[in-house]
Amino acid sequence: MGIFNKIKDMFKTEKVSEEVVKEEKIDKKTKEEVKVYEKGLSKSREGFVSKLANLTNKYRTINDEYFDELEEILIMADIGVNTVMDFIDRLKTRAAKEKIEDPEVLKEVIVDELFIIYVNDEVLTNKINENEDGPTVVLFIGVNGVGKTTTIAKIAHKYKEEGKKVLLVGADTFRAGAVSQLDEWADKVGVDFYGKDQGSDPASVVYDGCSKAVEEKYDIVLIDTAGRLQNKVNLMKELEKINRVIGSIVEGGPHETLLVIDATTGQNGISQANSFKEITNITGIILTKLDGTAKGGIVLAIKESVGIPVKYIGLGEKASDLQAFDIEKYIYGLFKDMM
């Protein structure tokens, strides 16, 4: 069974009998998550899928003009030129091999191939690498304005709901108001906070914060850092120092370094990812504001261009709208109207 039909059957949340629901173990939480994906990707779905549907209706058989128009649609969805070129080549090869001439049939193959591009025979996980002996330390990086602070607060909320003892550490001492903003979010979410005055040495903040986490037996430490990409050398030295400090206090830390990117910035977000990748080890990406763009294909472009898995996506303002990334739910949310 192709991924198109597999996902269609897996996430058919309406017009489905209670017996099927029970058999497939589609619990209430999964249904709610699917609905978040559906709603959050509506802008991308309306733009991308409607154009794809129009293309399918326009051509009775597949030809060069069809592929040219498909290529343009994919590029406009922000999937990325190089990714699209490779994708079109794969699609042409598969269409020829399977003797596909009907655009309606190829539509399902398109979904299959987009899934394959993301997975690429890798074992992907959206799970945070948790420390089994002591606190799990997660470092957050990203330029100003991408929603880094609110994202940290949402993740803190998720962990608190799971019964974890959470500490937020404000190590972005460079940006005015960043420390106090994170402190306010900690208060709103109901978790603890550690920080110092603006201008303090970030590494010293991290040292004291991690020491507090070990001494007071916190489960999760979420650390906000500066994202001054305009001065890569200084930022790299700062992050190296922070990493050393964390590792000296918590074995194996940081256990994750998550880069936060604003999905609405499109290709500029990919440039940011590549720039940060040059200066530090990124273990995962968080894409915020995906609900605010019609170019949801950036999820595929980032994985293809940067080679780092997306671990969370922001699909709205509420804490529940920050979802652990699931490629099948993403594909469903993007192509629901075609299924």
Protein backbone atom coordinates (compact mmCIF):
# COMPACT_ATOMS: atom_id res chain seq x y z
CA MET A 1 0.00 0.00 0.00
CA GLY A 2 1.35 3.46 -0.91
CA ILE A 3 1.80 6.05 1.82
CA PHE A 4 -1.09 8.05 0.31
CA ASN A 5 -3.60 5.28 1.08
CA LYS A 6 -1.88 4.28 4.34
CA ILE A 7 -2.16 7.81 5.74
CA LYS A 8 -5.67 8.23 4.38
CA ASP A 9 -6.80 5.11 6.25
CA MET A 10 -4.78 5.93 9.37
CA PHE A 11 -6.23 9.40 9.89
CA LYS A 12 -9.79 8.97 8.65
CA THR A 13 -11.21 10.61 11.78
CA GLU A 14 -14.73 11.15 10.45
CA LYS A 15 -17.28 8.63 9.19
CA VAL A 16 -15.44 5.83 10.94
CA SER A 17 -17.10 3.18 13.11
CA GLU A 18 -16.30 2.73 16.78
CA GLU A 19 -15.07 -0.79 16.00
CA VAL A 20 -12.50 0.54 13.55
CA VAL A 21 -11.44 3.21 16.00
CA LYS A 22 -10.87 0.59 18.66
CA GLU A 23 -9.12 -1.79 16.28
CA GLU A 24 -6.72 0.85 15.00
CA LYS A 25 -6.21 2.26 18.51
CA ILE A 26 -6.86 5.81 17.36
CA ASP A 27 -7.23 7.42 20.77
CA LYS A 28 -8.67 10.79 21.61
CA LYS A 29 -5.26 12.43 21.87
CA THR A 30 -4.23 11.28 18.39
CA LYS A 31 -7.50 12.59 16.94
CA GLU A 32 -6.93 15.96 18.58
CA GLU A 33 -3.37 16.13 17.24
CA VAL A 34 -4.60 15.30 13.72
CA LYS A 35 -7.13 18.14 13.95
CA VAL A 36 -4.36 20.55 14.99
CA TYR A 37 -2.41 19.56 11.87
CA GLU A 38 -5.52 19.91 9.70
CA LYS A 39 -6.29 23.39 11.00
CA GLY A 40 -2.68 24.58 11.19
CA LEU A 41 -1.85 23.59 7.62
CA SER A 42 -5.06 24.95 6.11
CA LYS A 43 -3.32 27.92 4.44
CA SER A 44 -0.74 25.68 2.82
CA ARG A 45 -3.39 23.14 1.87
CA GLU A 46 -5.66 25.74 0.28
CA GLY A 47 -2.84 27.15 -1.83
CA PHE A 48 -0.82 24.08 -2.69
CA VAL A 49 -3.46 21.39 -3.02
CA SER A 50 -5.93 23.57 -4.91
CA LYS A 51 -3.24 24.32 -7.48
CA LEU A 52 -2.37 20.65 -7.69
CA ALA A 53 -6.06 19.78 -8.16
CA ASN A 54 -6.37 22.39 -10.91
CA LEU A 55 -3.31 20.94 -12.60
CA THR A 56 -4.79 17.45 -12.45
CA ASN A 57 -8.04 18.70 -14.00
CA LYS A 58 -6.21 20.64 -16.68
CA TYR A 59 -4.30 17.72 -18.18
CA ARG A 60 -5.77 14.43 -19.37
CA THR A 61 -2.35 12.87 -19.76
CA ILE A 62 1.06 13.59 -18.29
CA ASN A 63 3.46 15.51 -20.53
CA ASP A 64 6.38 17.96 -20.30
CA GLU A 65 4.06 20.94 -19.81
CA TYR A 66 2.42 19.15 -16.88
CA PHE A 67 5.78 18.61 -15.18
CA ASP A 68 6.83 22.22 -15.84
CA GLU A 69 3.71 23.53 -14.12
CA LEU A 70 4.08 21.03 -11.26
CA GLU A 71 7.65 22.18 -10.75
CA GLU A 72 6.48 25.80 -10.45
CA ILE A 73 3.75 24.84 -7.94
CA LEU A 74 6.26 23.00 -5.75
CA ILE A 75 8.77 25.86 -5.83
CA MET A 76 6.02 28.33 -4.89
CA ALA A 77 5.23 26.07 -1.90
CA ASP A 78 8.79 26.84 -0.71
CA ILE A 79 10.01 23.28 -1.04
CA GLY A 80 13.25 24.62 -2.51
CA VAL A 81 14.59 24.64 -6.06
CA ASN A 82 17.18 21.86 -5.65
CA THR A 83 14.74 19.64 -3.80
CA VAL A 84 12.09 20.23 -6.46
CA MET A 85 14.45 19.46 -9.34
CA ASP A 86 15.44 16.15 -7.74
CA PHE A 87 11.82 15.41 -6.94
CA ILE A 88 10.63 16.01 -10.53
CA ASP A 89 13.37 13.71 -11.84
CA ARG A 90 12.29 10.98 -9.42
CA LEU A 91 8.67 11.48 -10.38
CA LYS A 92 9.39 11.23 -14.10
CA THR A 93 11.43 8.06 -13.56
CA ARG A 94 8.71 6.43 -11.48
CA ALA A 95 5.94 7.48 -13.90
CA ALA A 96 7.87 5.95 -16.80
CA LYS A 97 8.69 2.76 -14.87
CA GLU A 98 5.10 2.24 -13.70
CA LYS A 99 3.66 3.44 -17.03
CA ILE A 100 1.58 6.14 -15.34
CA GLU A 101 -0.11 8.52 -17.78
CA ASP A 102 -3.13 9.68 -15.76
CA PRO A 103 -2.52 12.83 -13.62
CA GLU A 104 -5.11 11.53 -11.13
CA VAL A 105 -2.98 8.44 -10.50
CA LEU A 106 0.23 10.48 -10.38
CA LYS A 107 -1.31 12.66 -7.68
CA GLU A 108 -1.02 9.75 -5.25
CA VAL A 109 2.56 9.09 -6.36
CA ILE A 110 3.41 12.74 -5.61
CA VAL A 111 2.33 12.24 -1.98
CA ASP A 112 4.36 9.02 -1.78
CA GLU A 113 7.48 10.64 -3.14
CA LEU A 114 7.27 13.71 -0.88
CA PHE A 115 7.09 11.33 2.09
CA ILE A 116 10.10 9.40 0.78
CA ILE A 117 12.10 12.65 0.34
CA TYR A 118 11.67 13.48 4.02
CA VAL A 119 12.29 10.01 5.41
CA ASN A 120 15.13 9.14 2.99
CA ASP A 121 15.62 5.67 4.51
CA GLU A 122 16.56 7.23 7.87
CA VAL A 123 15.27 6.33 11.30
CA LEU A 124 13.80 9.69 12.28
CA THR A 125 12.57 10.58 15.72
CA ASN A 126 10.79 13.60 17.13
CA LYS A 127 11.62 12.48 20.66
CA ILE A 128 13.81 14.62 22.89
CA ASN A 129 16.94 12.73 23.97
CA GLU A 130 16.26 12.56 27.70
CA ASN A 131 18.95 12.06 30.32
CA GLU A 132 18.31 8.98 32.43
CA ASP A 133 20.66 10.04 35.22
CA GLY A 134 20.02 13.65 36.20
CA PRO A 135 18.37 16.60 34.48
CA THR A 136 17.81 16.72 30.72
CA VAL A 137 19.34 19.93 29.39
CA VAL A 138 17.91 21.44 26.19
CA LEU A 139 19.61 24.42 24.56
CA PHE A 140 17.52 26.74 22.34
CA ILE A 141 19.11 28.87 19.63
CA GLY A 142 17.69 31.14 16.94
CA VAL A 143 17.62 34.76 15.81
CA ASN A 144 15.37 37.38 17.41
CA GLY A 145 11.72 37.42 16.39
CA VAL A 146 11.30 33.73 15.53
CA GLY A 147 9.20 32.96 18.61
CA LYS A 148 11.99 31.30 20.59
CA THR A 149 10.89 32.48 24.04
CA THR A 150 7.22 31.55 23.60
CA THR A 151 8.27 28.19 22.15
CA ILE A 152 10.37 27.47 25.25
CA ALA A 153 7.35 28.35 27.38
CA LYS A 154 5.10 26.00 25.40
CA ILE A 155 7.58 23.13 25.74
CA ALA A 156 7.89 23.89 29.46
CA HIS A 157 4.10 23.67 29.68
CA LYS A 158 4.11 20.26 27.97
CA TYR A 159 6.70 18.89 30.37
CA LYS A 160 4.88 20.33 33.38
CA GLU A 161 1.67 18.63 32.22
CA GLU A 162 3.64 15.36 32.19
CA GLY A 163 4.51 15.92 35.84
CA LYS A 164 8.13 16.96 35.24
CA LYS A 165 9.99 19.48 37.41
CA VAL A 166 11.07 22.19 34.93
CA LEU A 167 13.61 25.01 35.15
CA LEU A 168 13.92 27.80 32.57
CA VAL A 169 17.34 29.47 32.33
CA GLY A 170 17.63 32.94 30.77
CA ALA A 171 21.07 32.99 29.12
CA ASP A 172 20.15 35.48 26.39
CA THR A 173 21.64 38.33 28.40
CA PHE A 174 22.46 40.30 25.26
CA ARG A 175 18.96 41.27 24.06
CA ALA A 176 17.17 43.88 26.12
CA GLY A 177 14.24 42.38 28.00
CA ALA A 178 14.94 38.78 26.98
CA VAL A 179 15.64 37.57 30.53
CA SER A 180 12.62 39.29 32.07
CA GLN A 181 10.41 38.04 29.24
CA LEU A 182 11.40 34.43 29.93
CA ASP A 183 10.90 35.01 33.66
CA GLU A 184 7.35 36.23 32.95
CA TRP A 185 6.63 33.16 30.83
CA ALA A 186 7.93 30.87 33.59
CA ASP A 187 5.50 32.54 35.98
CA LYS A 188 2.59 32.17 33.53
CA VAL A 189 3.33 28.50 32.87
CA GLY A 190 3.98 27.75 36.52
CA VAL A 191 7.58 26.53 36.30
CA ASP A 192 10.79 27.81 37.92
CA PHE A 193 13.22 30.32 36.47
CA TYR A 194 16.88 31.22 36.91
CA GLY A 195 18.55 34.29 35.42
CA LYS A 196 20.78 37.27 36.02
CA ASP A 197 20.83 40.90 34.93
CA GLN A 198 21.17 41.92 31.31
CA GLY A 199 24.84 42.02 30.29
CA SER A 200 25.86 39.14 32.57
CA ASP A 201 28.14 36.44 31.17
CA PRO A 202 25.79 33.84 29.58
CA ALA A 203 28.08 30.94 30.54
CA SER A 204 28.01 31.97 34.20
CA VAL A 205 24.19 32.06 34.08
CA VAL A 206 24.18 28.57 32.57
CA TYR A 207 26.69 27.32 35.16
CA ASP A 208 24.60 28.52 38.08
CA GLY A 209 21.35 27.39 36.45
CA CYS A 210 22.62 23.86 35.78
CA SER A 211 24.11 23.66 39.28
CA LYS A 212 20.72 24.59 40.72
CA ALA A 213 19.07 21.94 38.52
CA VAL A 214 21.40 19.20 39.79
CA GLU A 215 21.20 20.23 43.44
CA GLU A 216 17.40 20.61 43.44
CA LYS A 217 16.78 17.55 41.23
CA TYR A 218 15.04 19.13 38.27
CA ASP A 219 13.95 16.83 35.44
CA ILE A 220 14.17 19.34 32.58
CA VAL A 221 16.33 22.43 32.04
CA LEU A 222 15.38 24.65 29.08
CA ILE A 223 18.04 27.26 28.26
CA ASP A 224 17.42 30.37 26.16
CA THR A 225 20.49 31.75 24.34
CA ALA A 226 21.33 34.74 22.17
CA GLY A 227 21.15 34.46 18.37
CA ARG A 228 23.47 37.16 17.09
CA LEU A 229 24.19 35.71 13.64
CA GLN A 230 25.69 39.01 12.48
CA ASN A 231 28.72 38.14 14.59
CA LYS A 232 29.18 34.41 14.02
CA VAL A 233 32.66 34.15 15.58
CA ASN A 234 31.57 35.62 18.92
CA LEU A 235 28.38 33.55 18.93
CA MET A 236 30.31 30.37 18.18
CA LYS A 237 32.74 31.04 21.06
CA GLU A 238 29.83 31.79 23.38
CA LEU A 239 27.98 28.58 22.45
CA GLU A 240 31.18 26.52 22.76
CA LYS A 241 31.72 27.92 26.25
CA ILE A 242 28.09 27.24 27.22
CA ASN A 243 28.36 23.68 25.93
CA ARG A 244 31.54 23.07 27.95
CA VAL A 245 29.95 24.49 31.10
CA ILE A 246 26.83 22.31 30.72
CA GLY A 247 28.95 19.21 30.09
CA SER A 248 31.05 19.87 33.17
CA ILE A 249 27.97 19.85 35.42
CA VAL A 250 25.52 17.48 33.71
CA GLU A 251 26.97 14.41 32.03
CA GLY A 252 26.19 14.26 28.32
CA GLY A 253 24.68 17.75 28.32
CA PRO A 254 23.35 19.51 26.43
CA HIS A 255 21.22 16.55 25.41
CA GLU A 256 19.51 18.54 22.66
CA THR A 257 20.31 21.77 20.81
CA LEU A 258 17.15 22.94 19.08
CA LEU A 259 17.15 25.66 16.43
CA VAL A 260 13.96 27.73 16.30
CA ILE A 261 12.99 29.03 12.83
CA ASP A 262 10.04 31.16 11.75
CA ALA A 263 8.35 29.23 8.90
CA THR A 264 6.94 32.45 7.41
CA THR A 265 10.47 33.61 6.51
CA GLY A 266 10.72 30.79 3.93
CA GLN A 267 14.11 30.37 2.31
CA ASN A 268 15.64 32.86 4.75
CA GLY A 269 14.89 30.34 7.47
CA ILE A 270 16.90 27.73 5.58
CA SER A 271 19.80 30.19 5.34
CA GLN A 272 19.62 30.68 9.11
CA ALA A 273 19.68 26.91 9.63
CA ASN A 274 22.78 26.54 7.48
CA SER A 275 24.50 29.44 9.27
CA PHE A 276 23.81 28.03 12.74
CA LYS A 277 24.87 24.59 11.57
CA GLU A 278 28.30 26.05 10.78
CA ILE A 279 28.84 27.26 14.33
CA THR A 280 27.26 24.62 16.58
CA ASN A 281 25.88 21.09 16.66
CA ILE A 282 22.12 21.25 16.05
CA THR A 283 20.15 18.12 16.92
CA GLY A 284 16.71 19.27 15.84
CA ILE A 285 14.63 22.10 14.40
CA ILE A 286 11.48 23.77 15.67
CA LEU A 287 9.42 25.46 12.96
CA THR A 288 7.16 28.16 14.40
CA LYS A 289 4.22 29.98 12.76
CA LEU A 290 3.64 27.26 10.18
CA ASP A 291 -0.06 28.09 10.40
CA GLY A 292 0.72 31.62 9.18
CA THR A 293 2.17 30.64 5.80
CA ALA A 294 0.85 29.12 2.59
CA LYS A 295 4.33 27.72 1.99
CA GLY A 296 4.22 24.67 4.24
CA GLY A 297 6.64 22.87 1.96
CA ILE A 298 9.48 24.46 3.92
CA VAL A 299 9.36 21.41 6.24
CA LEU A 300 10.58 19.26 3.36
CA ALA A 301 13.06 21.86 2.15
CA ILE A 302 14.74 22.22 5.55
CA LYS A 303 15.21 18.48 6.00
CA GLU A 304 16.57 18.13 2.45
CA SER A 305 18.81 21.23 2.57
CA VAL A 306 20.12 21.07 6.13
CA GLY A 307 19.85 17.36 6.92
CA ILE A 308 18.45 17.95 10.42
CA PRO A 309 15.07 16.55 11.52
CA VAL A 310 12.18 18.81 12.46
CA LYS A 311 11.23 17.94 16.06
CA TYR A 312 8.40 20.41 16.71
CA ILE A 313 6.12 22.56 14.59
CA GLY A 314 4.07 25.54 15.71
CA LEU A 315 0.54 25.46 14.30
CA GLY A 316 -1.11 28.22 16.32
CA GLU A 317 -0.94 30.38 19.42
CA LYS A 318 -2.11 27.90 22.06
CA ALA A 319 0.33 25.67 23.94
CA SER A 320 -1.40 22.62 22.42
CA ASP A 321 -0.69 23.99 18.94
CA LEU A 322 3.00 23.25 19.36
CA GLN A 323 3.16 19.66 18.16
CA ALA A 324 5.91 17.07 18.11
CA PHE A 325 6.52 16.73 14.38
CA ASP A 326 4.99 13.66 12.74
CA ILE A 327 5.64 13.24 9.02
CA GLU A 328 2.46 11.20 8.47
CA LYS A 329 0.23 13.73 10.22
CA TYR A 330 1.99 16.51 8.31
CA ILE A 331 1.39 14.81 4.95
CA TYR A 332 -2.23 14.20 5.94
CA GLY A 333 -2.70 17.84 7.01
CA LEU A 334 -1.20 19.03 3.74
CA PHE A 335 -3.10 16.68 1.43
CA LYS A 336 -6.31 16.04 3.37
CA ASP A 337 -8.52 17.51 0.65
CA MET A 338 -7.09 15.06 -1.87
CA MET A 339 -7.74 11.99 0.28
